[in-house]
């Protein structure tokens, strides 16, 4: 979670703030031209999202780490995959991920479709040897043949691209509109508490919104596939660097190998941030108020007073939206036999 980026010249800071906006969440998500939304595709994606048989040992589904019955993450410091293996980073929330211009903490996926392919073959996450193994597993389940035909046509192939397209289509339905902030921005000035309004003004005044701005509070003006990356910490040397091991993970550098990208991260959303503890890429901070203190100091060199922390936390709570009701799907079965995961 980023609370801001330092701009050393105050005039530049004020100019950037005047050009940017804190926006209510749109009701429509960006959809790529080659993967238009359809009810059949969304339904297939939902079933695939909940199916643990897409993992090597049959224990992990997309929903295991991105639980949409809750906050869209898993509440753990780092993700846990097949055979109890622990990853190195926390699971980002899937709610409102359709508005992210890149995916993963380090932005290594340019789209939801690309992101959906990654965990399937990650040895620590879902553990499949390759995508052929994933598709082979799906083809063993007769019900999926019918579902893929409904989603992609009678002659459609069950392949990794269509699998990822279906999952991404479902994920694009996972939005949480009508937060108190959204209602406030649309004219209901009683939707936010006085403390939340003070917090909203404060994050603008101290510079948090030089990064946390736009529809999803993680950047404005970026095209799909183009990431808003910022260093964390922006100002090294505070007590928090060591306390929370902030610089141990090199972030985007692991993707690009560019020294300029060391400790840089995709700016994450503030939406529903009150629900997505623990915080940061490594899940080292357990509470939202402490995350606010850390980010103010590490990014802006600001030591907040406790009443300021209280107001900012109140504002961040006002970014919790309304979650749609989602019924658990019935997974296609394998009558008369068992679908035994590979050992």
C-alpha atoms as a PDB file:
ATOM      1  CA  UNK A   1       0.000   0.000   0.000  1.00  0.00           C
ATOM      2  CA  UNK A   2       1.506   3.332  -1.060  1.00  0.00           C
ATOM      3  CA  UNK A   3       0.442   6.564   0.562  1.00  0.00           C
ATOM      4  CA  UNK A   4       2.401   8.838  -1.659  1.00  0.00           C
ATOM      5  CA  UNK A   5       5.549   9.919  -3.418  1.00  0.00           C
ATOM      6  CA  UNK A   6       7.850  12.760  -2.516  1.00  0.00           C
ATOM      7  CA  UNK A   7       7.996  15.748  -4.808  1.00  0.00           C
ATOM      8  CA  UNK A   8      10.737  18.034  -3.559  1.00  0.00           C
ATOM      9  CA  UNK A   9       9.423  21.236  -5.117  1.00  0.00           C
ATOM     10  CA  UNK A  10       6.229  22.411  -3.471  1.00  0.00           C
ATOM     11  CA  UNK A  11       5.037  24.247  -6.572  1.00  0.00           C
ATOM     12  CA  UNK A  12       5.338  21.077  -8.631  1.00  0.00           C
ATOM     13  CA  UNK A  13       3.402  19.190  -5.985  1.00  0.00           C
ATOM     14  CA  UNK A  14       0.544  21.665  -6.017  1.00  0.00           C
ATOM     15  CA  UNK A  15       0.476  21.691  -9.808  1.00  0.00           C
ATOM     16  CA  UNK A  16       0.276  17.885  -9.943  1.00  0.00           C
ATOM     17  CA  UNK A  17      -2.534  17.812  -7.402  1.00  0.00           C
ATOM     18  CA  UNK A  18      -4.584  20.338  -9.312  1.00  0.00           C
ATOM     19  CA  UNK A  19      -4.278  18.269 -12.475  1.00  0.00           C
ATOM     20  CA  UNK A  20      -5.294  14.999 -10.812  1.00  0.00           C
ATOM     21  CA  UNK A  21      -8.568  13.879  -9.300  1.00  0.00           C
ATOM     22  CA  UNK A  22     -10.002  11.517  -6.748  1.00  0.00           C
ATOM     23  CA  UNK A  23     -12.735   9.792  -8.707  1.00  0.00           C
ATOM     24  CA  UNK A  24     -15.800   7.734  -7.905  1.00  0.00           C
ATOM     25  CA  UNK A  25     -15.552   4.157  -9.130  1.00  0.00           C
ATOM     26  CA  UNK A  26     -16.944   3.728 -12.666  1.00  0.00           C
ATOM     27  CA  UNK A  27     -19.781   1.254 -13.162  1.00  0.00           C
ATOM     28  CA  UNK A  28     -18.128  -0.213 -16.272  1.00  0.00           C
ATOM     29  CA  UNK A  29     -14.714  -1.846 -16.403  1.00  0.00           C
ATOM     30  CA  UNK A  30     -12.209  -1.743 -19.278  1.00  0.00           C
ATOM     31  CA  UNK A  31     -12.694  -4.774 -21.544  1.00  0.00           C
ATOM     32  CA  UNK A  32     -10.219  -5.828 -24.273  1.00  0.00           C
ATOM     33  CA  UNK A  33     -11.571  -6.074 -27.806  1.00  0.00           C
ATOM     34  CA  UNK A  34     -10.471  -9.703 -28.139  1.00  0.00           C
ATOM     35  CA  UNK A  35     -12.255 -10.836 -24.970  1.00  0.00           C
ATOM     36  CA  UNK A  36     -15.688  -9.263 -24.817  1.00  0.00           C
ATOM     37  CA  UNK A  37     -17.871 -10.134 -21.853  1.00  0.00           C
ATOM     38  CA  UNK A  38     -20.617 -12.761 -22.311  1.00  0.00           C
ATOM     39  CA  UNK A  39     -22.727 -14.540 -19.653  1.00  0.00           C
ATOM     40  CA  UNK A  40     -21.463 -17.982 -20.745  1.00  0.00           C
ATOM     41  CA  UNK A  41     -17.822 -16.903 -20.622  1.00  0.00           C
ATOM     42  CA  UNK A  42     -18.278 -15.292 -17.208  1.00  0.00           C
ATOM     43  CA  UNK A  43     -19.964 -18.433 -15.850  1.00  0.00           C
ATOM     44  CA  UNK A  44     -17.170 -20.664 -17.162  1.00  0.00           C
ATOM     45  CA  UNK A  45     -14.584 -18.340 -15.645  1.00  0.00           C
ATOM     46  CA  UNK A  46     -16.355 -18.444 -12.296  1.00  0.00           C
ATOM     47  CA  UNK A  47     -16.328 -22.252 -12.257  1.00  0.00           C
ATOM     48  CA  UNK A  48     -12.655 -22.398 -13.221  1.00  0.00           C
ATOM     49  CA  UNK A  49     -11.863 -19.787 -10.552  1.00  0.00           C
ATOM     50  CA  UNK A  50     -13.261 -22.029  -7.813  1.00  0.00           C
ATOM     51  CA  UNK A  51     -11.933 -25.378  -9.100  1.00  0.00           C
ATOM     52  CA  UNK A  52      -8.957 -26.721  -7.082  1.00  0.00           C
ATOM     53  CA  UNK A  53      -8.426 -29.481  -9.656  1.00  0.00           C
ATOM     54  CA  UNK A  54      -6.491 -26.921 -11.684  1.00  0.00           C
ATOM     55  CA  UNK A  55      -3.678 -27.316  -9.126  1.00  0.00           C
ATOM     56  CA  UNK A  56      -1.113 -30.110  -9.005  1.00  0.00           C
ATOM     57  CA  UNK A  57      -2.405 -31.770  -5.834  1.00  0.00           C
ATOM     58  CA  UNK A  58      -6.037 -30.702  -6.124  1.00  0.00           C
ATOM     59  CA  UNK A  59      -5.959 -28.399  -3.104  1.00  0.00           C
ATOM     60  CA  UNK A  60      -5.563 -24.856  -4.445  1.00  0.00           C
ATOM     61  CA  UNK A  61      -7.952 -22.797  -6.561  1.00  0.00           C
ATOM     62  CA  UNK A  62      -7.737 -19.154  -7.567  1.00  0.00           C
ATOM     63  CA  UNK A  63     -10.144 -18.496  -4.711  1.00  0.00           C
ATOM     64  CA  UNK A  64      -7.755 -20.040  -2.171  1.00  0.00           C
ATOM     65  CA  UNK A  65      -5.478 -16.999  -2.286  1.00  0.00           C
ATOM     66  CA  UNK A  66      -8.014 -14.489  -3.644  1.00  0.00           C
ATOM     67  CA  UNK A  67     -11.081 -15.279  -1.585  1.00  0.00           C
ATOM     68  CA  UNK A  68     -14.077 -13.443  -3.016  1.00  0.00           C
ATOM     69  CA  UNK A  69     -16.232 -14.602  -0.144  1.00  0.00           C
ATOM     70  CA  UNK A  70     -14.153 -12.072   1.805  1.00  0.00           C
ATOM     71  CA  UNK A  71     -11.640  -9.359   0.900  1.00  0.00           C
ATOM     72  CA  UNK A  72     -10.356 -10.887  -2.342  1.00  0.00           C
ATOM     73  CA  UNK A  73      -7.068 -11.882  -0.701  1.00  0.00           C
ATOM     74  CA  UNK A  74      -6.333 -14.439   2.033  1.00  0.00           C
ATOM     75  CA  UNK A  75      -5.449 -12.473   5.168  1.00  0.00           C
ATOM     76  CA  UNK A  76      -1.974 -14.005   5.337  1.00  0.00           C
ATOM     77  CA  UNK A  77       1.373 -12.180   5.255  1.00  0.00           C
ATOM     78  CA  UNK A  78       2.349 -14.257   2.197  1.00  0.00           C
ATOM     79  CA  UNK A  79       0.413 -16.642  -0.017  1.00  0.00           C
ATOM     80  CA  UNK A  80       0.281 -20.385   0.662  1.00  0.00           C
ATOM     81  CA  UNK A  81       0.214 -22.803  -2.263  1.00  0.00           C
ATOM     82  CA  UNK A  82       0.350 -26.517  -3.001  1.00  0.00           C
ATOM     83  CA  UNK A  83       1.814 -28.780  -0.322  1.00  0.00           C
ATOM     84  CA  UNK A  84       1.748 -25.872   2.123  1.00  0.00           C
ATOM     85  CA  UNK A  85       4.524 -23.957   0.378  1.00  0.00           C
ATOM     86  CA  UNK A  86       4.787 -20.282   1.249  1.00  0.00           C
ATOM     87  CA  UNK A  87       5.424 -17.607  -1.325  1.00  0.00           C
ATOM     88  CA  UNK A  88       7.501 -14.502  -0.814  1.00  0.00           C
ATOM     89  CA  UNK A  89       4.734 -11.931  -1.181  1.00  0.00           C
ATOM     90  CA  UNK A  90       1.188 -11.324  -0.034  1.00  0.00           C
ATOM     91  CA  UNK A  91      -1.811 -12.048  -2.241  1.00  0.00           C
ATOM     92  CA  UNK A  92      -3.187  -8.797  -3.721  1.00  0.00           C
ATOM     93  CA  UNK A  93      -6.951  -8.416  -3.637  1.00  0.00           C
ATOM     94  CA  UNK A  94      -8.798  -9.411  -6.803  1.00  0.00           C
ATOM     95  CA  UNK A  95     -11.633  -6.959  -6.100  1.00  0.00           C
ATOM     96  CA  UNK A  96     -11.480  -4.076  -8.590  1.00  0.00           C
ATOM     97  CA  UNK A  97      -8.391  -5.608 -10.215  1.00  0.00           C
ATOM     98  CA  UNK A  98     -10.094  -4.974 -13.560  1.00  0.00           C
ATOM     99  CA  UNK A  99      -9.139  -1.324 -13.103  1.00  0.00           C
ATOM    100  CA  UNK A 100      -5.435  -2.119 -12.559  1.00  0.00           C
ATOM    101  CA  UNK A 101      -3.363  -1.345 -15.645  1.00  0.00           C
ATOM    102  CA  UNK A 102      -0.876  -4.114 -14.759  1.00  0.00           C
ATOM    103  CA  UNK A 103      -1.131  -7.096 -12.412  1.00  0.00           C
ATOM    104  CA  UNK A 104       0.970  -8.619  -9.592  1.00  0.00           C
ATOM    105  CA  UNK A 105       2.966  -6.567  -7.100  1.00  0.00           C
ATOM    106  CA  UNK A 106       5.774  -6.160  -9.618  1.00  0.00           C
ATOM    107  CA  UNK A 107       3.547  -5.543 -12.652  1.00  0.00           C
ATOM    108  CA  UNK A 108       4.875  -8.519 -14.591  1.00  0.00           C
ATOM    109  CA  UNK A 109       1.482  -9.245 -16.180  1.00  0.00           C
ATOM    110  CA  UNK A 110       0.049  -6.680 -18.576  1.00  0.00           C
ATOM    111  CA  UNK A 111      -3.545  -7.950 -18.323  1.00  0.00           C
ATOM    112  CA  UNK A 112      -5.898 -10.082 -16.281  1.00  0.00           C
ATOM    113  CA  UNK A 113      -5.635 -12.715 -19.004  1.00  0.00           C
ATOM    114  CA  UNK A 114      -1.873 -12.863 -18.656  1.00  0.00           C
ATOM    115  CA  UNK A 115      -2.103 -12.886 -14.866  1.00  0.00           C
ATOM    116  CA  UNK A 116      -4.522 -15.820 -14.877  1.00  0.00           C
ATOM    117  CA  UNK A 117      -1.928 -18.034 -16.561  1.00  0.00           C
ATOM    118  CA  UNK A 118       0.868 -17.368 -14.074  1.00  0.00           C
ATOM    119  CA  UNK A 119      -0.194 -19.055 -10.812  1.00  0.00           C
ATOM    120  CA  UNK A 120      -1.255 -22.263 -12.589  1.00  0.00           C
ATOM    121  CA  UNK A 121       2.344 -23.243 -13.349  1.00  0.00           C
ATOM    122  CA  UNK A 122       4.106 -21.461 -10.501  1.00  0.00           C
ATOM    123  CA  UNK A 123       5.718 -24.286  -8.470  1.00  0.00           C
ATOM    124  CA  UNK A 124       4.871 -22.609  -5.173  1.00  0.00           C
ATOM    125  CA  UNK A 125       1.313 -21.616  -6.061  1.00  0.00           C
ATOM    126  CA  UNK A 126      -0.765 -24.145  -8.048  1.00  0.00           C
ATOM    127  CA  UNK A 127       2.199 -26.263  -9.065  1.00  0.00           C
ATOM    128  CA  UNK A 128       1.235 -27.606 -12.500  1.00  0.00           C
ATOM    129  CA  UNK A 129       4.250 -28.617 -14.605  1.00  0.00           C
ATOM    130  CA  UNK A 130       3.122 -26.617 -17.648  1.00  0.00           C
ATOM    131  CA  UNK A 131      -0.012 -25.310 -19.335  1.00  0.00           C
ATOM    132  CA  UNK A 132      -0.427 -28.543 -21.295  1.00  0.00           C
ATOM    133  CA  UNK A 133      -0.841 -30.302 -17.968  1.00  0.00           C
ATOM    134  CA  UNK A 134      -3.521 -27.794 -16.962  1.00  0.00           C
ATOM    135  CA  UNK A 135      -5.470 -28.272 -20.188  1.00  0.00           C
ATOM    136  CA  UNK A 136      -5.065 -32.054 -19.983  1.00  0.00           C
ATOM    137  CA  UNK A 137      -6.622 -31.969 -16.515  1.00  0.00           C
ATOM    138  CA  UNK A 138      -9.544 -29.846 -17.700  1.00  0.00           C
ATOM    139  CA  UNK A 139     -10.220 -32.125 -20.680  1.00  0.00           C
ATOM    140  CA  UNK A 140     -10.603 -35.106 -18.332  1.00  0.00           C
ATOM    141  CA  UNK A 141     -13.728 -33.465 -16.908  1.00  0.00           C
ATOM    142  CA  UNK A 142     -16.601 -33.963 -19.396  1.00  0.00           C
ATOM    143  CA  UNK A 143     -18.666 -31.035 -18.157  1.00  0.00           C
ATOM    144  CA  UNK A 144     -15.993 -28.573 -19.165  1.00  0.00           C
ATOM    145  CA  UNK A 145     -16.329 -29.521 -22.831  1.00  0.00           C
ATOM    146  CA  UNK A 146     -19.921 -28.270 -22.835  1.00  0.00           C
ATOM    147  CA  UNK A 147     -19.037 -25.157 -20.844  1.00  0.00           C
ATOM    148  CA  UNK A 148     -16.219 -24.187 -23.220  1.00  0.00           C
ATOM    149  CA  UNK A 149     -18.503 -24.722 -26.231  1.00  0.00           C
ATOM    150  CA  UNK A 150     -21.141 -22.434 -24.714  1.00  0.00           C
ATOM    151  CA  UNK A 151     -18.538 -19.781 -23.974  1.00  0.00           C
ATOM    152  CA  UNK A 152     -16.459 -19.914 -27.166  1.00  0.00           C
ATOM    153  CA  UNK A 153     -18.533 -21.746 -29.792  1.00  0.00           C
ATOM    154  CA  UNK A 154     -19.087 -25.351 -30.881  1.00  0.00           C
ATOM    155  CA  UNK A 155     -15.686 -25.586 -32.571  1.00  0.00           C
ATOM    156  CA  UNK A 156     -13.810 -23.781 -29.824  1.00  0.00           C
ATOM    157  CA  UNK A 157     -10.660 -25.388 -28.504  1.00  0.00           C
ATOM    158  CA  UNK A 158     -10.037 -25.981 -24.844  1.00  0.00           C
ATOM    159  CA  UNK A 159      -6.667 -24.269 -24.527  1.00  0.00           C
ATOM    160  CA  UNK A 160      -4.808 -22.047 -22.097  1.00  0.00           C
ATOM    161  CA  UNK A 161      -5.757 -18.810 -23.874  1.00  0.00           C
ATOM    162  CA  UNK A 162      -9.495 -19.517 -23.656  1.00  0.00           C
ATOM    163  CA  UNK A 163      -9.090 -20.705 -20.076  1.00  0.00           C
ATOM    164  CA  UNK A 164      -7.399 -17.431 -19.132  1.00  0.00           C
ATOM    165  CA  UNK A 165      -9.960 -15.391 -21.072  1.00  0.00           C
ATOM    166  CA  UNK A 166     -12.802 -17.011 -19.146  1.00  0.00           C
ATOM    167  CA  UNK A 167     -11.183 -16.462 -15.750  1.00  0.00           C
ATOM    168  CA  UNK A 168     -10.394 -12.833 -16.630  1.00  0.00           C
ATOM    169  CA  UNK A 169     -13.980 -12.284 -17.787  1.00  0.00           C
ATOM    170  CA  UNK A 170     -15.269 -13.437 -14.416  1.00  0.00           C
ATOM    171  CA  UNK A 171     -12.734 -11.296 -12.568  1.00  0.00           C
ATOM    172  CA  UNK A 172     -13.977  -8.223 -14.455  1.00  0.00           C
ATOM    173  CA  UNK A 173     -17.318  -8.627 -12.666  1.00  0.00           C
ATOM    174  CA  UNK A 174     -15.626  -8.284  -9.271  1.00  0.00           C
ATOM    175  CA  UNK A 175     -16.088  -4.604  -8.563  1.00  0.00           C
ATOM    176  CA  UNK A 176     -17.220  -2.867  -5.374  1.00  0.00           C
ATOM    177  CA  UNK A 177     -19.011   0.406  -6.151  1.00  0.00           C
ATOM    178  CA  UNK A 178     -20.962   2.771  -3.911  1.00  0.00           C
ATOM    179  CA  UNK A 179     -18.455   3.265  -1.128  1.00  0.00           C
ATOM    180  CA  UNK A 180     -19.179   6.205   1.190  1.00  0.00           C
ATOM    181  CA  UNK A 181     -16.528   8.112  -0.778  1.00  0.00           C
ATOM    182  CA  UNK A 182     -18.242   7.324  -4.105  1.00  0.00           C
ATOM    183  CA  UNK A 183     -21.559   8.553  -2.731  1.00  0.00           C
ATOM    184  CA  UNK A 184     -19.852  11.669  -1.391  1.00  0.00           C
ATOM    185  CA  UNK A 185     -18.301  12.406  -4.774  1.00  0.00           C
ATOM    186  CA  UNK A 186     -21.687  11.982  -6.444  1.00  0.00           C
ATOM    187  CA  UNK A 187     -23.251  14.637  -4.238  1.00  0.00           C
ATOM    188  CA  UNK A 188     -24.229  13.044  -0.921  1.00  0.00           C
ATOM    189  CA  UNK A 189     -22.126  15.145   1.432  1.00  0.00           C
ATOM    190  CA  UNK A 190     -23.413  13.198   4.439  1.00  0.00           C
ATOM    191  CA  UNK A 191     -22.016   9.907   3.135  1.00  0.00           C
ATOM    192  CA  UNK A 192     -18.627  10.425   4.810  1.00  0.00           C
ATOM    193  CA  UNK A 193     -17.961  11.329   8.423  1.00  0.00           C
ATOM    194  CA  UNK A 194     -16.327  14.628   9.338  1.00  0.00           C
ATOM    195  CA  UNK A 195     -13.155  12.711  10.229  1.00  0.00           C
ATOM    196  CA  UNK A 196     -13.133  10.983   6.834  1.00  0.00           C
ATOM    197  CA  UNK A 197     -13.531  14.311   5.033  1.00  0.00           C
ATOM    198  CA  UNK A 198     -10.610  15.697   7.021  1.00  0.00           C
ATOM    199  CA  UNK A 199      -8.597  12.621   6.096  1.00  0.00           C
ATOM    200  CA  UNK A 200      -9.436  13.057   2.414  1.00  0.00           C
ATOM    201  CA  UNK A 201      -8.187  16.631   2.476  1.00  0.00           C
ATOM    202  CA  UNK A 202      -5.103  15.626   4.435  1.00  0.00           C
ATOM    203  CA  UNK A 203      -3.933  12.957   1.960  1.00  0.00           C
ATOM    204  CA  UNK A 204      -4.145  15.592  -0.754  1.00  0.00           C
ATOM    205  CA  UNK A 205      -2.323  18.223   1.299  1.00  0.00           C
ATOM    206  CA  UNK A 206       0.651  16.079   2.316  1.00  0.00           C
ATOM    207  CA  UNK A 207       1.118  14.537  -1.144  1.00  0.00           C
ATOM    208  CA  UNK A 208      -0.292  11.008  -0.944  1.00  0.00           C
ATOM    209  CA  UNK A 209      -2.394  11.646  -4.035  1.00  0.00           C
ATOM    210  CA  UNK A 210       0.604  12.202  -6.250  1.00  0.00           C
ATOM    211  CA  UNK A 211       0.426   8.383  -6.562  1.00  0.00           C
ATOM    212  CA  UNK A 212      -2.925   7.353  -5.097  1.00  0.00           C
ATOM    213  CA  UNK A 213      -5.334   9.037  -7.451  1.00  0.00           C
ATOM    214  CA  UNK A 214      -7.848   8.136 -10.143  1.00  0.00           C
ATOM    215  CA  UNK A 215     -10.692   5.626 -10.256  1.00  0.00           C
ATOM    216  CA  UNK A 216      -8.839   2.915  -8.343  1.00  0.00           C
ATOM    217  CA  UNK A 217      -6.539   5.182  -6.293  1.00  0.00           C
ATOM    218  CA  UNK A 218      -3.437   3.669  -7.897  1.00  0.00           C
ATOM    219  CA  UNK A 219      -2.679   6.126 -10.686  1.00  0.00           C
ATOM    220  CA  UNK A 220      -4.328   8.146 -13.401  1.00  0.00           C
ATOM    221  CA  UNK A 221      -3.570   8.412 -17.092  1.00  0.00           C
ATOM    222  CA  UNK A 222      -1.898   5.012 -17.435  1.00  0.00           C
ATOM    223  CA  UNK A 223      -2.908   2.757 -20.318  1.00  0.00           C
ATOM    224  CA  UNK A 224      -3.646  -0.941 -19.902  1.00  0.00           C
ATOM    225  CA  UNK A 225      -0.297  -2.710 -19.823  1.00  0.00           C
ATOM    226  CA  UNK A 226       1.489   0.412 -18.563  1.00  0.00           C
ATOM    227  CA  UNK A 227       2.302   0.418 -14.850  1.00  0.00           C
ATOM    228  CA  UNK A 228       2.533   3.109 -12.212  1.00  0.00           C
ATOM    229  CA  UNK A 229       5.706   2.022 -10.383  1.00  0.00           C
ATOM    230  CA  UNK A 230       7.115   3.803  -7.370  1.00  0.00           C
ATOM    231  CA  UNK A 231      10.031   3.099  -5.021  1.00  0.00           C
ATOM    232  CA  UNK A 232       9.294   1.872  -1.511  1.00  0.00           C
ATOM    233  CA  UNK A 233      10.824   3.437   0.461  1.00  0.00           C
ATOM    234  CA  UNK A 234      10.990   6.696  -1.418  1.00  0.00           C
ATOM    235  CA  UNK A 235      13.157   8.074   1.383  1.00  0.00           C
ATOM    236  CA  UNK A 236      15.390   5.305   2.776  1.00  0.00           C
ATOM    237  CA  UNK A 237      16.742   5.378   6.293  1.00  0.00           C
ATOM    238  CA  UNK A 238      13.738   5.488   8.583  1.00  0.00           C
ATOM    239  CA  UNK A 239      13.380   2.999  11.433  1.00  0.00           C
ATOM    240  CA  UNK A 240      10.725   1.194   9.416  1.00  0.00           C
ATOM    241  CA  UNK A 241      13.147  -0.031   6.746  1.00  0.00           C
ATOM    242  CA  UNK A 242      14.677  -2.571   9.109  1.00  0.00           C
ATOM    243  CA  UNK A 243      11.668  -3.093  11.338  1.00  0.00           C
ATOM    244  CA  UNK A 244       9.482  -4.277   8.458  1.00  0.00           C
ATOM    245  CA  UNK A 245      12.216  -5.513   6.093  1.00  0.00           C
ATOM    246  CA  UNK A 246      11.025  -3.070   3.449  1.00  0.00           C
ATOM    247  CA  UNK A 247      14.047  -3.297   1.161  1.00  0.00           C
ATOM    248  CA  UNK A 248      14.718  -7.048   1.392  1.00  0.00           C
ATOM    249  CA  UNK A 249      12.603  -7.818  -1.690  1.00  0.00           C
ATOM    250  CA  UNK A 250      13.900  -5.989  -4.767  1.00  0.00           C
ATOM    251  CA  UNK A 251      10.470  -5.767  -6.363  1.00  0.00           C
ATOM    252  CA  UNK A 252      10.260  -4.916 -10.057  1.00  0.00           C
ATOM    253  CA  UNK A 253      14.011  -5.344 -10.443  1.00  0.00           C
ATOM    254  CA  UNK A 254      13.440  -9.111 -10.399  1.00  0.00           C
ATOM    255  CA  UNK A 255      11.402  -8.672 -13.604  1.00  0.00           C
ATOM    256  CA  UNK A 256      13.427  -6.097 -15.527  1.00  0.00           C
ATOM    257  CA  UNK A 257      16.945  -6.495 -14.030  1.00  0.00           C
ATOM    258  CA  UNK A 258      17.215  -2.724 -14.380  1.00  0.00           C
ATOM    259  CA  UNK A 259      19.010  -1.227 -11.338  1.00  0.00           C
ATOM    260  CA  UNK A 260      16.615   1.732 -11.518  1.00  0.00           C
ATOM    261  CA  UNK A 261      13.778  -0.670 -10.650  1.00  0.00           C
ATOM    262  CA  UNK A 262      15.205  -1.888  -7.341  1.00  0.00           C
ATOM    263  CA  UNK A 263      12.540  -1.738  -4.614  1.00  0.00           C
ATOM    264  CA  UNK A 264       9.960  -0.372  -7.051  1.00  0.00           C
ATOM    265  CA  UNK A 265       6.391  -1.669  -6.930  1.00  0.00           C
ATOM    266  CA  UNK A 266       3.110  -1.276  -8.738  1.00  0.00           C
ATOM    267  CA  UNK A 267       1.091   1.261  -6.761  1.00  0.00           C
ATOM    268  CA  UNK A 268      -1.740  -0.773  -5.222  1.00  0.00           C
ATOM    269  CA  UNK A 269      -5.331   0.331  -4.826  1.00  0.00           C
ATOM    270  CA  UNK A 270      -6.700   2.017  -1.741  1.00  0.00           C
ATOM    271  CA  UNK A 271     -10.177   0.635  -2.392  1.00  0.00           C
ATOM    272  CA  UNK A 272     -11.260  -1.742   0.393  1.00  0.00           C
ATOM    273  CA  UNK A 273      -7.811  -1.281   1.940  1.00  0.00           C
ATOM    274  CA  UNK A 274      -9.343  -1.314   5.421  1.00  0.00           C
ATOM    275  CA  UNK A 275     -10.240  -4.973   4.819  1.00  0.00           C
ATOM    276  CA  UNK A 276      -7.008  -6.225   3.255  1.00  0.00           C
ATOM    277  CA  UNK A 277      -4.587  -6.458   6.191  1.00  0.00           C
ATOM    278  CA  UNK A 278      -1.780  -7.364   6.590  1.00  0.00           C
ATOM    279  CA  UNK A 279      -0.104  -4.672   4.532  1.00  0.00           C
ATOM    280  CA  UNK A 280       2.723  -4.212   2.052  1.00  0.00           C
ATOM    281  CA  UNK A 281       4.191  -6.726  -0.368  1.00  0.00           C
ATOM    282  CA  UNK A 282       5.529  -8.840   2.498  1.00  0.00           C
ATOM    283  CA  UNK A 283       2.565  -8.549   4.857  1.00  0.00           C
ATOM    284  CA  UNK A 284       4.789  -7.330   7.678  1.00  0.00           C
ATOM    285  CA  UNK A 285       2.422  -4.645   8.982  1.00  0.00           C
ATOM    286  CA  UNK A 286      -0.684  -5.945  10.691  1.00  0.00           C
ATOM    287  CA  UNK A 287      -2.784  -2.802  11.138  1.00  0.00           C
ATOM    288  CA  UNK A 288      -3.976   0.010   8.893  1.00  0.00           C
ATOM    289  CA  UNK A 289      -3.013   2.796  11.283  1.00  0.00           C
ATOM    290  CA  UNK A 290       0.583   1.540  11.408  1.00  0.00           C
ATOM    291  CA  UNK A 291       0.649   1.221   7.613  1.00  0.00           C
ATOM    292  CA  UNK A 292      -0.379   4.882   7.397  1.00  0.00           C
ATOM    293  CA  UNK A 293       2.457   5.921   9.729  1.00  0.00           C
ATOM    294  CA  UNK A 294       4.998   3.854   7.801  1.00  0.00           C
ATOM    295  CA  UNK A 295       4.018   5.193   4.410  1.00  0.00           C
ATOM    296  CA  UNK A 296       3.882   8.806   5.505  1.00  0.00           C
ATOM    297  CA  UNK A 297       7.420   8.523   6.834  1.00  0.00           C
ATOM    298  CA  UNK A 298       8.930   6.242   4.189  1.00  0.00           C
ATOM    299  CA  UNK A 299       7.398   8.037   1.215  1.00  0.00           C
ATOM    300  CA  UNK A 300       6.967  11.637   2.353  1.00  0.00           C
ATOM    301  CA  UNK A 301       9.265  11.991   5.387  1.00  0.00           C
ATOM    302  CA  UNK A 302       6.211  13.074   7.364  1.00  0.00           C
ATOM    303  CA  UNK A 303       5.727  12.172  11.030  1.00  0.00           C
ATOM    304  CA  UNK A 304       1.978  12.182  11.434  1.00  0.00           C
ATOM    305  CA  UNK A 305       0.230  13.179  14.627  1.00  0.00           C
ATOM    306  CA  UNK A 306      -2.186  10.622  16.018  1.00  0.00           C
ATOM    307  CA  UNK A 307      -5.250  12.688  15.158  1.00  0.00           C
ATOM    308  CA  UNK A 308      -4.004  12.873  11.570  1.00  0.00           C
ATOM    309  CA  UNK A 309      -3.576   9.087  11.482  1.00  0.00           C
ATOM    310  CA  UNK A 310      -7.116   8.734  12.818  1.00  0.00           C
ATOM    311  CA  UNK A 311      -8.534  10.972  10.099  1.00  0.00           C
ATOM    312  CA  UNK A 312      -6.626   9.267   7.278  1.00  0.00           C
ATOM    313  CA  UNK A 313      -7.749   5.858   8.522  1.00  0.00           C
ATOM    314  CA  UNK A 314     -11.334   7.149   8.601  1.00  0.00           C
ATOM    315  CA  UNK A 315     -11.006   8.225   4.980  1.00  0.00           C
ATOM    316  CA  UNK A 316      -9.509   4.888   3.938  1.00  0.00           C
ATOM    317  CA  UNK A 317     -12.420   3.130   5.640  1.00  0.00           C
ATOM    318  CA  UNK A 318     -14.739   5.274   3.528  1.00  0.00           C
ATOM    319  CA  UNK A 319     -13.279   3.565   0.448  1.00  0.00           C
ATOM    320  CA  UNK A 320     -14.894   0.232   1.360  1.00  0.00           C
ATOM    321  CA  UNK A 321     -17.465  -0.469  -1.336  1.00  0.00           C
ATOM    322  CA  UNK A 322     -20.514  -2.683  -1.675  1.00  0.00           C
ATOM    323  CA  UNK A 323     -19.705  -6.315  -2.413  1.00  0.00           C
ATOM    324  CA  UNK A 324     -21.999  -8.172  -4.817  1.00  0.00           C
ATOM    325  CA  UNK A 325     -23.576 -11.434  -3.732  1.00  0.00           C
ATOM    326  CA  UNK A 326     -21.797 -14.373  -5.332  1.00  0.00           C
ATOM    327  CA  UNK A 327     -23.149 -17.904  -5.154  1.00  0.00           C
ATOM    328  CA  UNK A 328     -20.620 -20.729  -5.024  1.00  0.00           C
ATOM    329  CA  UNK A 329     -20.715 -22.592  -8.343  1.00  0.00           C
ATOM    330  CA  UNK A 330     -21.409 -26.279  -8.833  1.00  0.00           C
ATOM    331  CA  UNK A 331     -18.238 -27.783 -10.322  1.00  0.00           C
ATOM    332  CA  UNK A 332     -18.531 -30.267 -13.217  1.00  0.00           C
ATOM    333  CA  UNK A 333     -18.148 -33.823 -11.942  1.00  0.00           C
ATOM    334  CA  UNK A 334     -16.530 -37.019 -13.265  1.00  0.00           C
ATOM    335  CA  UNK A 335     -19.290 -39.666 -12.923  1.00  0.00           C
ATOM    336  CA  UNK A 336     -18.147 -43.212 -12.323  1.00  0.00           C
ATOM    337  CA  UNK A 337     -14.504 -42.368 -11.770  1.00  0.00           C
ATOM    338  CA  UNK A 338     -12.211 -40.209  -9.728  1.00  0.00           C
ATOM    339  CA  UNK A 339     -10.204 -37.242 -10.825  1.00  0.00           C
ATOM    340  CA  UNK A 340      -6.977 -38.096  -9.026  1.00  0.00           C
ATOM    341  CA  UNK A 341      -4.399 -35.291  -8.887  1.00  0.00           C
ATOM    342  CA  UNK A 342      -0.901 -36.127  -9.977  1.00  0.00           C
ATOM    343  CA  UNK A 343       1.361 -37.237  -7.087  1.00  0.00           C
END
